[in-house]
Each structure stands twice: as C-alpha cells, then as structure tokens.
C-alpha cells in the first residue's frame, strides 16, 4: 500500500476525504490490534497511516478555511 501524496488528497472532494479518513482510522485500529497481539508484519505502516490521517485532516481544514472566506 503506497503512501498518499498531498496533491492527490487536495484533488478530492470533502465527502471523499471524510470517507478516506474513516477508512484510514479503521486501518489504524486494525494495525494497532495486530501490533498488540504481535502479528504486525510491517511496523512502519503504523506511522505511515498516522501521517496519512494527518494529511487528510490538514486538507479538510484548509478547505474549511477557504469556504469561510
């Protein structure tokens, strides 16, 4: 699974971003569960998913601020 780029995220609508955020949070939950039971194959995926969540939140906030102007 490849990491998302900020430009790819910015091209999405707010509805798509909310769906993406839900999917990422679900994936993060599953990864944490695997980590707790020592079944996690790629520990770097945890930090990558957290960064993707942060990127999506950042772009959502940017869109929110643009809408207010």
N, C-alpha and C. Protein backbone atom coordinates (compact mmCIF):
# COMPACT_ATOMS: atom_id res chain seq x y z
N UNK A 1 0.85 -1.17 0.00
CA UNK A 1 0.00 0.00 0.00
C UNK A 1 0.89 1.22 0.00
N UNK A 2 0.65 2.11 -0.97
CA UNK A 2 1.54 3.26 -1.07
C UNK A 2 0.99 4.47 -0.33
N UNK A 3 1.90 5.30 0.09
CA UNK A 3 1.55 6.49 0.85
C UNK A 3 0.87 7.51 -0.04
N UNK A 4 -0.09 8.23 0.50
CA UNK A 4 -0.80 9.24 -0.29
C UNK A 4 0.02 10.52 -0.39
N UNK A 5 -0.12 11.18 -1.50
CA UNK A 5 0.55 12.46 -1.71
C UNK A 5 -0.43 13.59 -1.40
N UNK A 6 0.08 14.72 -0.94
CA UNK A 6 -0.77 15.85 -0.59
C UNK A 6 -1.57 16.34 -1.80
N UNK A 7 -0.95 16.33 -2.99
CA UNK A 7 -1.67 16.79 -4.18
C UNK A 7 -2.84 15.89 -4.53
N UNK A 8 -2.66 14.57 -4.36
CA UNK A 8 -3.76 13.64 -4.60
C UNK A 8 -4.91 13.91 -3.65
N UNK A 9 -4.57 14.22 -2.42
CA UNK A 9 -5.60 14.49 -1.41
C UNK A 9 -6.34 15.79 -1.73
N UNK A 10 -5.59 16.81 -2.16
CA UNK A 10 -6.22 18.11 -2.43
C UNK A 10 -7.19 18.04 -3.61
N UNK A 11 -7.01 17.07 -4.51
CA UNK A 11 -7.89 16.95 -5.66
C UNK A 11 -9.22 16.28 -5.33
N UNK A 12 -9.36 15.78 -4.11
CA UNK A 12 -10.58 15.08 -3.72
C UNK A 12 -11.59 16.06 -3.12
N UNK A 13 -12.87 15.66 -3.19
CA UNK A 13 -13.92 16.48 -2.57
C UNK A 13 -13.92 16.23 -1.07
N UNK A 14 -14.62 17.08 -0.37
CA UNK A 14 -14.69 16.96 1.08
C UNK A 14 -15.36 15.65 1.49
N UNK A 15 -16.37 15.22 0.73
CA UNK A 15 -17.05 13.95 1.02
C UNK A 15 -16.08 12.77 0.85
N UNK A 16 -15.29 12.80 -0.22
CA UNK A 16 -14.30 11.74 -0.46
C UNK A 16 -13.26 11.72 0.66
N UNK A 17 -12.88 12.90 1.14
CA UNK A 17 -11.88 12.98 2.20
C UNK A 17 -12.42 12.40 3.50
N UNK A 18 -13.69 12.67 3.80
CA UNK A 18 -14.28 12.11 5.01
C UNK A 18 -14.32 10.58 4.94
N UNK A 19 -14.65 10.05 3.75
CA UNK A 19 -14.66 8.59 3.58
C UNK A 19 -13.26 8.03 3.72
N UNK A 20 -12.28 8.72 3.15
CA UNK A 20 -10.88 8.30 3.24
C UNK A 20 -10.42 8.29 4.70
N UNK A 21 -10.82 9.33 5.44
CA UNK A 21 -10.46 9.44 6.85
C UNK A 21 -11.02 8.27 7.65
N UNK A 22 -12.27 7.92 7.39
CA UNK A 22 -12.88 6.78 8.09
C UNK A 22 -12.13 5.49 7.77
N UNK A 23 -11.77 5.30 6.50
CA UNK A 23 -11.04 4.09 6.10
C UNK A 23 -9.66 4.03 6.78
N UNK A 24 -8.98 5.17 6.84
CA UNK A 24 -7.66 5.21 7.45
C UNK A 24 -7.73 4.94 8.95
N UNK A 25 -8.74 5.51 9.61
CA UNK A 25 -8.88 5.28 11.05
C UNK A 25 -9.19 3.82 11.33
N UNK A 26 -9.99 3.20 10.45
CA UNK A 26 -10.30 1.78 10.60
C UNK A 26 -9.03 0.95 10.42
N UNK A 27 -8.23 1.31 9.41
CA UNK A 27 -6.98 0.59 9.18
C UNK A 27 -6.03 0.75 10.36
N UNK A 28 -5.97 1.96 10.92
CA UNK A 28 -5.10 2.21 12.07
C UNK A 28 -5.54 1.36 13.25
N UNK A 29 -6.84 1.24 13.47
CA UNK A 29 -7.35 0.41 14.56
C UNK A 29 -6.90 -1.05 14.37
N UNK A 30 -7.05 -1.55 13.14
CA UNK A 30 -6.66 -2.94 12.86
C UNK A 30 -5.16 -3.15 13.04
N UNK A 31 -4.37 -2.16 12.60
CA UNK A 31 -2.92 -2.26 12.75
C UNK A 31 -2.52 -2.27 14.23
N UNK A 32 -3.17 -1.42 15.03
CA UNK A 32 -2.87 -1.39 16.46
C UNK A 32 -3.22 -2.71 17.11
N UNK A 33 -4.33 -3.29 16.67
CA UNK A 33 -4.74 -4.58 17.21
C UNK A 33 -3.71 -5.65 16.87
N UNK A 34 -3.25 -5.67 15.62
CA UNK A 34 -2.22 -6.62 15.21
C UNK A 34 -0.94 -6.41 16.00
N UNK A 35 -0.60 -5.13 16.24
CA UNK A 35 0.62 -4.80 16.98
C UNK A 35 0.52 -5.33 18.41
N UNK A 36 -0.65 -5.19 19.02
CA UNK A 36 -0.84 -5.63 20.40
C UNK A 36 -0.74 -7.15 20.51
N UNK A 37 -1.13 -7.86 19.47
CA UNK A 37 -1.08 -9.33 19.51
C UNK A 37 0.17 -9.87 18.82
N UNK A 38 1.13 -9.00 18.57
CA UNK A 38 2.41 -9.39 17.94
C UNK A 38 2.23 -10.06 16.58
N UNK A 39 1.28 -9.61 15.78
CA UNK A 39 1.07 -10.17 14.45
C UNK A 39 1.35 -9.15 13.35
N UNK A 40 1.86 -7.99 13.75
CA UNK A 40 2.09 -6.92 12.79
C UNK A 40 3.34 -7.24 11.95
N UNK A 41 3.16 -7.28 10.61
CA UNK A 41 4.27 -7.62 9.73
C UNK A 41 5.14 -6.42 9.41
N UNK A 42 4.52 -5.25 9.23
CA UNK A 42 5.27 -4.06 8.85
C UNK A 42 4.99 -2.92 9.83
N UNK A 43 5.81 -2.76 10.87
CA UNK A 43 5.56 -1.73 11.87
C UNK A 43 5.60 -0.30 11.32
N UNK A 44 6.30 -0.11 10.20
CA UNK A 44 6.37 1.25 9.61
C UNK A 44 5.01 1.68 9.07
N UNK A 45 4.13 0.71 8.81
CA UNK A 45 2.80 1.03 8.28
C UNK A 45 2.00 1.85 9.30
N UNK A 46 2.24 1.62 10.60
CA UNK A 46 1.54 2.37 11.64
C UNK A 46 1.79 3.87 11.49
N UNK A 47 3.05 4.25 11.39
CA UNK A 47 3.37 5.67 11.29
C UNK A 47 2.92 6.24 9.94
N UNK A 48 2.97 5.42 8.88
CA UNK A 48 2.53 5.90 7.57
C UNK A 48 1.04 6.21 7.58
N UNK A 49 0.26 5.35 8.22
CA UNK A 49 -1.18 5.58 8.29
C UNK A 49 -1.48 6.82 9.13
N UNK A 50 -0.74 6.98 10.23
CA UNK A 50 -0.95 8.18 11.07
C UNK A 50 -0.64 9.45 10.28
N UNK A 51 0.43 9.40 9.48
CA UNK A 51 0.77 10.58 8.66
C UNK A 51 -0.30 10.85 7.61
N UNK A 52 -0.84 9.78 7.01
CA UNK A 52 -1.92 9.96 6.02
C UNK A 52 -3.15 10.59 6.67
N UNK A 53 -3.47 10.15 7.89
CA UNK A 53 -4.61 10.74 8.61
C UNK A 53 -4.35 12.23 8.84
N UNK A 54 -3.14 12.57 9.22
CA UNK A 54 -2.79 13.97 9.46
C UNK A 54 -2.90 14.79 8.17
N UNK A 55 -2.47 14.21 7.05
CA UNK A 55 -2.56 14.90 5.76
C UNK A 55 -4.02 15.18 5.40
N UNK A 56 -4.86 14.16 5.56
CA UNK A 56 -6.28 14.33 5.23
C UNK A 56 -6.91 15.40 6.12
N UNK A 57 -6.60 15.35 7.42
CA UNK A 57 -7.14 16.36 8.34
C UNK A 57 -6.68 17.76 7.97
N UNK A 58 -5.43 17.89 7.56
CA UNK A 58 -4.89 19.19 7.16
C UNK A 58 -5.63 19.74 5.95
N UNK A 59 -5.84 18.91 4.94
CA UNK A 59 -6.52 19.36 3.73
C UNK A 59 -7.98 19.68 4.02
N UNK A 60 -8.63 18.89 4.88
CA UNK A 60 -10.01 19.19 5.27
C UNK A 60 -10.08 20.56 5.94
N UNK A 61 -9.13 20.84 6.81
CA UNK A 61 -9.09 22.14 7.50
C UNK A 61 -8.85 23.27 6.50
N UNK A 62 -7.96 23.06 5.53
CA UNK A 62 -7.71 24.09 4.51
C UNK A 62 -8.99 24.39 3.74
N UNK A 63 -9.72 23.33 3.36
CA UNK A 63 -10.97 23.53 2.62
C UNK A 63 -12.00 24.27 3.46
N UNK A 64 -12.02 23.93 4.76
CA UNK A 64 -12.95 24.59 5.68
C UNK A 64 -12.65 26.09 5.76
N UNK A 65 -11.37 26.43 5.84
CA UNK A 65 -10.98 27.83 5.94
C UNK A 65 -11.27 28.58 4.64
N UNK A 66 -11.07 27.91 3.48
CA UNK A 66 -11.37 28.54 2.19
C UNK A 66 -12.86 28.82 2.08
N UNK A 67 -13.68 27.90 2.58
CA UNK A 67 -15.13 28.04 2.49
C UNK A 67 -15.61 29.23 3.32
N UNK A 68 -14.91 29.52 4.42
CA UNK A 68 -15.32 30.64 5.27
C UNK A 68 -15.03 31.99 4.64
N UNK A 69 -14.03 32.07 3.75
CA UNK A 69 -13.64 33.34 3.15
C UNK A 69 -14.66 33.85 2.18
